[in-house]
Amino acid sequence: MKTHDERFAEMTFASVYPHYLKKVEKKGRTKEELHQVIEWLTGFDNQQLQAQIDNKVTFEIFFQNAELNQDAHLITGLICGYRVEEIENSLTQKVRYLDKLVDELAKGKRLGKILRNS
């Protein structure tokens, strides 16, 4: 049986992206705001992000291609019962960083706070 970490590594970003979008739009946020949050974390502009989706890259490749924001370590708190700052597997932690940012956006947090005021 695959571990939690292995499942994240093999999961495609394209399979999860529609869920992120639906989650934030259901709460009155926009695709543009979602992309701003993703760009802040990964460095991907809209075109690069679309390429990741079109190429159906795994989260492992997605984060290998990304330039993680130097302030990503400021993302803390609980997501799915885990403290993101305590996750030991680097890839799993990056996926959970993204989950946490999407969660904050959906919960109505101000963009400046979500982007850790950078």
N, C-alpha and C. Protein backbone atom coordinates (compact mmCIF):
# COMPACT_ATOMS: atom_id res chain seq x y z
N MET A 1 0.83 -1.19 0.00
CA MET A 1 0.00 0.00 0.00
C MET A 1 0.88 1.26 0.00
N LYS A 2 0.51 2.21 -0.82
CA LYS A 2 1.28 3.45 -0.93
C LYS A 2 1.13 4.31 0.33
N THR A 3 2.20 4.97 0.67
CA THR A 3 2.14 5.88 1.81
C THR A 3 1.48 7.18 1.37
N HIS A 4 1.08 7.94 2.37
CA HIS A 4 0.52 9.27 2.20
C HIS A 4 1.44 10.11 1.29
N ASP A 5 2.74 10.09 1.58
CA ASP A 5 3.72 10.89 0.83
C ASP A 5 3.83 10.44 -0.62
N GLU A 6 3.81 9.12 -0.84
CA GLU A 6 3.90 8.59 -2.21
C GLU A 6 2.68 8.97 -3.03
N ARG A 7 1.52 8.96 -2.40
CA ARG A 7 0.29 9.33 -3.11
C ARG A 7 0.36 10.79 -3.56
N PHE A 8 0.88 11.67 -2.71
CA PHE A 8 1.04 13.07 -3.10
C PHE A 8 2.00 13.20 -4.28
N ALA A 9 3.10 12.47 -4.23
CA ALA A 9 4.12 12.56 -5.28
C ALA A 9 3.55 12.17 -6.64
N GLU A 10 2.64 11.19 -6.66
CA GLU A 10 2.10 10.67 -7.91
C GLU A 10 0.82 11.37 -8.37
N MET A 11 0.17 12.10 -7.47
CA MET A 11 -1.06 12.81 -7.81
C MET A 11 -0.74 13.95 -8.77
N THR A 12 -1.59 14.17 -9.78
CA THR A 12 -1.32 15.27 -10.70
C THR A 12 -1.93 16.57 -10.17
N PHE A 13 -1.23 17.65 -10.42
CA PHE A 13 -1.75 18.96 -10.05
C PHE A 13 -3.06 19.22 -10.78
N ALA A 14 -3.13 18.79 -12.05
CA ALA A 14 -4.33 19.01 -12.87
C ALA A 14 -5.57 18.34 -12.26
N SER A 15 -5.37 17.25 -11.53
CA SER A 15 -6.52 16.56 -10.92
C SER A 15 -7.05 17.30 -9.69
N VAL A 16 -6.21 18.10 -9.06
CA VAL A 16 -6.58 18.79 -7.83
C VAL A 16 -7.00 20.24 -8.10
N TYR A 17 -6.42 20.84 -9.13
CA TYR A 17 -6.69 22.25 -9.44
C TYR A 17 -8.19 22.58 -9.53
N PRO A 18 -9.01 21.77 -10.24
CA PRO A 18 -10.44 22.11 -10.31
C PRO A 18 -11.11 22.18 -8.93
N HIS A 19 -10.63 21.36 -8.00
CA HIS A 19 -11.18 21.37 -6.64
C HIS A 19 -10.79 22.66 -5.91
N TYR A 20 -9.55 23.10 -6.11
CA TYR A 20 -9.12 24.38 -5.54
C TYR A 20 -10.01 25.50 -6.07
N LEU A 21 -10.19 25.50 -7.39
CA LEU A 21 -10.97 26.56 -8.02
C LEU A 21 -12.41 26.56 -7.53
N LYS A 22 -13.01 25.39 -7.49
CA LYS A 22 -14.40 25.27 -7.03
C LYS A 22 -14.53 25.75 -5.58
N LYS A 23 -13.57 25.37 -4.76
CA LYS A 23 -13.59 25.73 -3.34
C LYS A 23 -13.58 27.25 -3.15
N VAL A 24 -12.68 27.93 -3.87
CA VAL A 24 -12.58 29.38 -3.67
C VAL A 24 -13.73 30.12 -4.33
N GLU A 25 -14.18 29.66 -5.50
CA GLU A 25 -15.29 30.35 -6.18
C GLU A 25 -16.60 30.19 -5.40
N LYS A 26 -16.78 29.03 -4.77
CA LYS A 26 -17.97 28.79 -3.96
C LYS A 26 -18.05 29.79 -2.81
N LYS A 27 -16.90 30.27 -2.37
CA LYS A 27 -16.84 31.23 -1.26
C LYS A 27 -16.70 32.68 -1.75
N GLY A 28 -16.94 32.89 -3.06
CA GLY A 28 -16.94 34.26 -3.57
C GLY A 28 -15.59 34.81 -3.96
N ARG A 29 -14.57 33.97 -4.01
CA ARG A 29 -13.25 34.43 -4.46
C ARG A 29 -13.10 34.12 -5.94
N THR A 30 -12.06 34.65 -6.57
CA THR A 30 -11.94 34.52 -8.03
C THR A 30 -10.77 33.62 -8.43
N LYS A 31 -10.85 33.19 -9.68
CA LYS A 31 -9.75 32.41 -10.28
C LYS A 31 -8.46 33.24 -10.26
N GLU A 32 -8.60 34.54 -10.50
CA GLU A 32 -7.43 35.43 -10.50
C GLU A 32 -6.76 35.45 -9.13
N GLU A 33 -7.59 35.50 -8.07
CA GLU A 33 -7.02 35.48 -6.71
C GLU A 33 -6.33 34.14 -6.44
N LEU A 34 -6.95 33.05 -6.89
CA LEU A 34 -6.34 31.73 -6.72
C LEU A 34 -4.99 31.70 -7.42
N HIS A 35 -4.95 32.20 -8.65
CA HIS A 35 -3.69 32.20 -9.40
C HIS A 35 -2.64 33.09 -8.74
N GLN A 36 -3.08 34.18 -8.15
CA GLN A 36 -2.14 35.07 -7.44
C GLN A 36 -1.50 34.33 -6.26
N VAL A 37 -2.31 33.57 -5.55
CA VAL A 37 -1.82 32.80 -4.40
C VAL A 37 -0.85 31.71 -4.87
N ILE A 38 -1.22 31.01 -5.94
CA ILE A 38 -0.35 29.95 -6.47
C ILE A 38 0.96 30.55 -6.98
N GLU A 39 0.85 31.69 -7.66
CA GLU A 39 2.07 32.35 -8.17
C GLU A 39 2.98 32.78 -7.03
N TRP A 40 2.38 33.29 -5.96
CA TRP A 40 3.19 33.71 -4.82
C TRP A 40 3.99 32.52 -4.27
N LEU A 41 3.35 31.37 -4.16
CA LEU A 41 4.03 30.20 -3.59
C LEU A 41 5.02 29.58 -4.56
N THR A 42 4.66 29.48 -5.85
CA THR A 42 5.45 28.68 -6.79
C THR A 42 6.27 29.47 -7.79
N GLY A 43 5.90 30.74 -7.99
CA GLY A 43 6.56 31.54 -9.02
C GLY A 43 5.94 31.35 -10.40
N PHE A 44 4.95 30.47 -10.55
CA PHE A 44 4.33 30.22 -11.86
C PHE A 44 3.37 31.35 -12.22
N ASP A 45 3.59 32.00 -13.38
CA ASP A 45 2.60 32.95 -13.87
C ASP A 45 1.47 32.15 -14.52
N ASN A 46 0.45 32.83 -15.03
CA ASN A 46 -0.72 32.13 -15.59
C ASN A 46 -0.34 31.14 -16.69
N GLN A 47 0.56 31.57 -17.57
CA GLN A 47 0.97 30.72 -18.70
C GLN A 47 1.73 29.48 -18.20
N GLN A 48 2.64 29.67 -17.28
CA GLN A 48 3.40 28.54 -16.73
C GLN A 48 2.49 27.60 -15.95
N LEU A 49 1.53 28.17 -15.23
CA LEU A 49 0.59 27.36 -14.46
C LEU A 49 -0.25 26.51 -15.41
N GLN A 50 -0.73 27.13 -16.49
CA GLN A 50 -1.53 26.39 -17.48
C GLN A 50 -0.72 25.25 -18.09
N ALA A 51 0.57 25.49 -18.32
CA ALA A 51 1.44 24.44 -18.88
C ALA A 51 1.54 23.26 -17.92
N GLN A 52 1.63 23.54 -16.61
CA GLN A 52 1.68 22.46 -15.61
C GLN A 52 0.40 21.63 -15.66
N ILE A 53 -0.74 22.32 -15.85
CA ILE A 53 -2.04 21.64 -15.93
C ILE A 53 -2.13 20.84 -17.22
N ASP A 54 -1.79 21.48 -18.35
CA ASP A 54 -1.88 20.81 -19.66
C ASP A 54 -0.99 19.59 -19.74
N ASN A 55 0.18 19.67 -19.12
CA ASN A 55 1.14 18.56 -19.15
C ASN A 55 0.84 17.50 -18.10
N LYS A 56 -0.21 17.74 -17.31
CA LYS A 56 -0.63 16.80 -16.26
C LYS A 56 0.54 16.32 -15.40
N VAL A 57 1.33 17.30 -14.95
CA VAL A 57 2.49 16.96 -14.13
C VAL A 57 2.04 16.50 -12.74
N THR A 58 2.83 15.63 -12.16
CA THR A 58 2.58 15.19 -10.79
C THR A 58 2.97 16.34 -9.85
N PHE A 59 2.50 16.24 -8.60
CA PHE A 59 2.90 17.26 -7.63
C PHE A 59 4.43 17.26 -7.47
N GLU A 60 5.03 16.09 -7.58
CA GLU A 60 6.49 16.02 -7.46
C GLU A 60 7.16 16.89 -8.53
N ILE A 61 6.74 16.74 -9.77
CA ILE A 61 7.30 17.54 -10.87
C ILE A 61 6.87 19.01 -10.73
N PHE A 62 5.62 19.22 -10.36
CA PHE A 62 5.10 20.57 -10.17
C PHE A 62 6.02 21.37 -9.24
N PHE A 63 6.35 20.78 -8.09
CA PHE A 63 7.19 21.52 -7.14
C PHE A 63 8.66 21.50 -7.52
N GLN A 64 9.09 20.51 -8.34
CA GLN A 64 10.47 20.56 -8.86
C GLN A 64 10.61 21.74 -9.81
N ASN A 65 9.54 22.01 -10.58
CA ASN A 65 9.55 23.11 -11.54
C ASN A 65 9.36 24.47 -10.88
N ALA A 66 8.84 24.48 -9.67
CA ALA A 66 8.50 25.72 -8.98
C ALA A 66 9.73 26.34 -8.32
N GLU A 67 9.65 27.66 -8.14
CA GLU A 67 10.63 28.37 -7.31
C GLU A 67 9.87 28.78 -6.06
N LEU A 68 9.99 27.97 -5.02
CA LEU A 68 9.22 28.20 -3.81
C LEU A 68 9.55 29.55 -3.20
N ASN A 69 8.51 30.28 -2.83
CA ASN A 69 8.69 31.61 -2.23
C ASN A 69 9.55 31.49 -0.97
N GLN A 70 10.48 32.42 -0.82
CA GLN A 70 11.37 32.39 0.34
C GLN A 70 10.62 32.55 1.67
N ASP A 71 9.39 33.07 1.61
CA ASP A 71 8.59 33.25 2.82
C ASP A 71 7.61 32.10 3.06
N ALA A 72 7.72 31.02 2.28
CA ALA A 72 6.80 29.89 2.43
C ALA A 72 6.84 29.32 3.84
N HIS A 73 8.00 29.40 4.48
CA HIS A 73 8.13 28.87 5.85
C HIS A 73 7.23 29.61 6.85
N LEU A 74 6.71 30.78 6.44
CA LEU A 74 5.81 31.54 7.31
C LEU A 74 4.39 30.96 7.31
N ILE A 75 4.14 30.01 6.41
CA ILE A 75 2.82 29.36 6.35
C ILE A 75 2.78 28.34 7.50
N THR A 76 1.89 28.59 8.44
CA THR A 76 1.79 27.70 9.61
C THR A 76 0.33 27.40 9.89
N GLY A 77 0.11 26.44 10.75
CA GLY A 77 -1.25 26.13 11.16
C GLY A 77 -1.66 24.73 10.74
N LEU A 78 -2.90 24.42 11.04
CA LEU A 78 -3.42 23.08 10.77
C LEU A 78 -4.06 22.99 9.40
N ILE A 79 -3.79 21.88 8.71
CA ILE A 79 -4.50 21.55 7.48
C ILE A 79 -4.69 20.04 7.48
N CYS A 80 -5.93 19.62 7.39
CA CYS A 80 -6.27 18.18 7.42
C CYS A 80 -5.69 17.48 8.65
N GLY A 81 -5.68 18.19 9.77
CA GLY A 81 -5.21 17.59 11.01
C GLY A 81 -3.70 17.58 11.21
N TYR A 82 -2.97 18.16 10.26
CA TYR A 82 -1.50 18.20 10.36
C TYR A 82 -1.05 19.65 10.51
N ARG A 83 -0.03 19.87 11.34
CA ARG A 83 0.60 21.19 11.43
C ARG A 83 1.56 21.29 10.26
N VAL A 84 1.32 22.22 9.35
CA VAL A 84 2.16 22.28 8.14
C VAL A 84 3.63 22.51 8.46
N GLU A 85 3.89 23.25 9.51
CA GLU A 85 5.29 23.55 9.84
C GLU A 85 6.02 22.33 10.41
N GLU A 86 5.29 21.28 10.77
CA GLU A 86 5.91 20.09 11.37
C GLU A 86 5.99 18.91 10.41
N ILE A 87 5.48 19.07 9.18
CA ILE A 87 5.52 17.97 8.21
C ILE A 87 6.97 17.75 7.77
N GLU A 88 7.43 16.52 7.91
CA GLU A 88 8.83 16.22 7.64
C GLU A 88 9.14 15.99 6.16
N ASN A 89 8.22 15.38 5.43
CA ASN A 89 8.45 15.14 4.00
C ASN A 89 8.33 16.46 3.25
N SER A 90 9.37 16.85 2.55
CA SER A 90 9.44 18.15 1.89
C SER A 90 8.31 18.34 0.87
N LEU A 91 8.06 17.33 0.03
CA LEU A 91 7.01 17.46 -0.98
C LEU A 91 5.63 17.57 -0.33
N THR A 92 5.37 16.71 0.63
CA THR A 92 4.08 16.75 1.32
C THR A 92 3.87 18.10 1.97
N GLN A 93 4.93 18.65 2.55
CA GLN A 93 4.83 19.96 3.18
C GLN A 93 4.48 21.03 2.15
N LYS A 94 5.08 20.98 0.98
CA LYS A 94 4.79 21.98 -0.06
C LYS A 94 3.35 21.86 -0.54
N VAL A 95 2.87 20.63 -0.72
CA VAL A 95 1.47 20.42 -1.13
C VAL A 95 0.55 21.00 -0.06
N ARG A 96 0.87 20.74 1.21
CA ARG A 96 0.04 21.25 2.30
C ARG A 96 0.13 22.78 2.43
N TYR A 97 1.30 23.36 2.08
CA TYR A 97 1.40 24.83 2.03
C TYR A 97 0.34 25.34 1.05
N LEU A 98 0.29 24.72 -0.12
CA LEU A 98 -0.67 25.14 -1.14
C LEU A 98 -2.10 24.96 -0.64
N ASP A 99 -2.37 23.80 -0.04
CA ASP A 99 -3.71 23.55 0.53
C ASP A 99 -4.08 24.64 1.54
N LYS A 100 -3.13 24.99 2.38
CA LYS A 100 -3.36 25.98 3.44
C LYS A 100 -3.69 27.35 2.84
N LEU A 101 -2.94 27.74 1.80
CA LEU A 101 -3.18 29.03 1.16
C LEU A 101 -4.56 29.06 0.50
N VAL A 102 -4.92 27.96 -0.17
CA VAL A 102 -6.25 27.87 -0.81
C VAL A 102 -7.33 27.95 0.25
N ASP A 103 -7.11 27.27 1.36
CA ASP A 103 -8.04 27.27 2.49
C ASP A 103 -8.25 28.70 3.02
N GLU A 104 -7.14 29.40 3.22
CA GLU A 104 -7.21 30.77 3.73
C GLU A 104 -7.97 31.68 2.76
N LEU A 105 -7.73 31.49 1.47
CA LEU A 105 -8.42 32.28 0.45
C LEU A 105 -9.93 32.01 0.53
N ALA A 106 -10.28 30.73 0.60
CA ALA A 106 -11.70 30.34 0.67
C ALA A 106 -12.37 30.85 1.94
N LYS A 107 -11.60 30.97 3.01
CA LYS A 107 -12.17 31.44 4.29
C LYS A 107 -12.27 32.95 4.36
N GLY A 108 -11.88 33.64 3.28
CA GLY A 108 -12.08 35.08 3.22
C GLY A 108 -10.95 35.92 3.78
N LYS A 109 -9.81 35.30 4.04
CA LYS A 109 -8.66 36.07 4.53
C LYS A 109 -8.22 37.08 3.48
N ARG A 110 -7.75 38.22 3.93
CA ARG A 110 -7.24 39.24 3.01
C ARG A 110 -6.01 38.72 2.27
N LEU A 111 -5.90 39.09 0.99
CA LEU A 111 -4.79 38.63 0.16
C LEU A 111 -3.43 38.98 0.77
N GLY A 112 -3.31 40.18 1.33
CA GLY A 112 -2.05 40.59 1.94
C GLY A 112 -1.61 39.65 3.05
N LYS A 113 -2.58 39.19 3.84
CA LYS A 113 -2.27 38.25 4.92
C LYS A 113 -1.88 36.88 4.36
N ILE A 114 -2.64 36.42 3.35
CA ILE A 114 -2.36 35.12 2.75
C ILE A 114 -0.95 35.10 2.15
N LEU A 115 -0.58 36.20 1.51
CA LEU A 115 0.73 36.29 0.84
C LEU A 115 1.80 36.72 1.83
N ARG A 116 1.49 36.60 3.08
CA ARG A 116 2.44 36.89 4.17
C ARG A 116 3.08 38.26 3.98
N ASN A 117 2.23 39.21 3.53
CA ASN A 117 2.61 40.63 3.36
C ASN A 117 3.88 40.87 2.55
N SER A 118 4.15 39.97 1.58
CA SER A 118 5.38 40.18 0.79
C SER A 118 5.11 41.00 -0.46
